[in-house]
Amino acid sequence: MKVLVPVKRVIDYNVKVRVKSDSTGVDLANVKMSMNPFDEIAVEQAIRLKEAGQVEEIVAVSIGVEKNQETLRTALAMGADRAILVKAVDNVENDVEPLAVAKILKAIVDEEKPELVLLGKQAIDNDANATGQMLSAMLGWSQATFASKLDIADGAATVTREVDGGLQVIKVQMPAIVTVDLRLNEPRYASLPNIMKAKKKPMETKTPEDYGVDASPRLTVVKVSEPPERKAGVLVGSVEELVEKLKTEAGVI
């Protein structure tokens, strides 16, 4: 079985994001970038399936700027077999929208013929949570989202999903699209020997035009602003005062 794992280059989750002074977007100057954490979990899961003998090849894909090859090298160092870089934009500040990503991924799936596409449930920069669902609709494949557990057997995937009410277990037929959640696994660190080996693994560079896809944006960002600062808490002297404030000020009871 072949697995396709899309990965995105985003601001590192440890970095405090700053909004530009003109409110046109997020300041990316001299900011540390890394693989989207959810995508990293997807790569780890693909590797575990390969170690279990269920997968023969893992293909990592990234769509964006030239520097996305650094993210792909990380995936290769973790254990992916080869990579495809789709250079869709020249400016790192121009994000490729989920619809364009899904269209490009569909074309890659048609060419690569994987049986499973594993990807993060969302990217932490735009929180769109749309690419996996769009790709499933375009391919007509089964989909399972927010996976916290994944088992594959007899041509089907059993997925435990995290939902508001707890956990939901579903079974979908392969081929399938699975988007992963945080509790699926703990990604491994790439060892130095594997980092060196990753430099020799094949990486193909493509453009959206190679797949017949128009990746031009359909959306215009009007304004980006920081969330309001959280107000300080209030100390109360008694339970009665707490209840009164919850009634009159907070309006929750």
Foldseek 3Di string as FASTA:
>chain_A
DEEEQEKEKDFPPVDDWDADPVQQGIDPPPTDIEIFLQSLVLLQVQVVCVVVVNHDAYEYEYEEAPVCVVRVLQSQLLPHQEYEYAHADHDRRDDQDLLLVLLLVLLVCVVVVDWEYEYACAGPRPRPSPNLVNNCVVVVAAEAEAFLEWDDDDQKIWGWHQDPVGIDIDIGGISYYYHYHDNNDDRDGRDPVSSVVSVVRYYHYHYSVVSPTDRDDPDHDPGHDDDDDDDDDDDDDDPVVVVVCCVPPVVPD
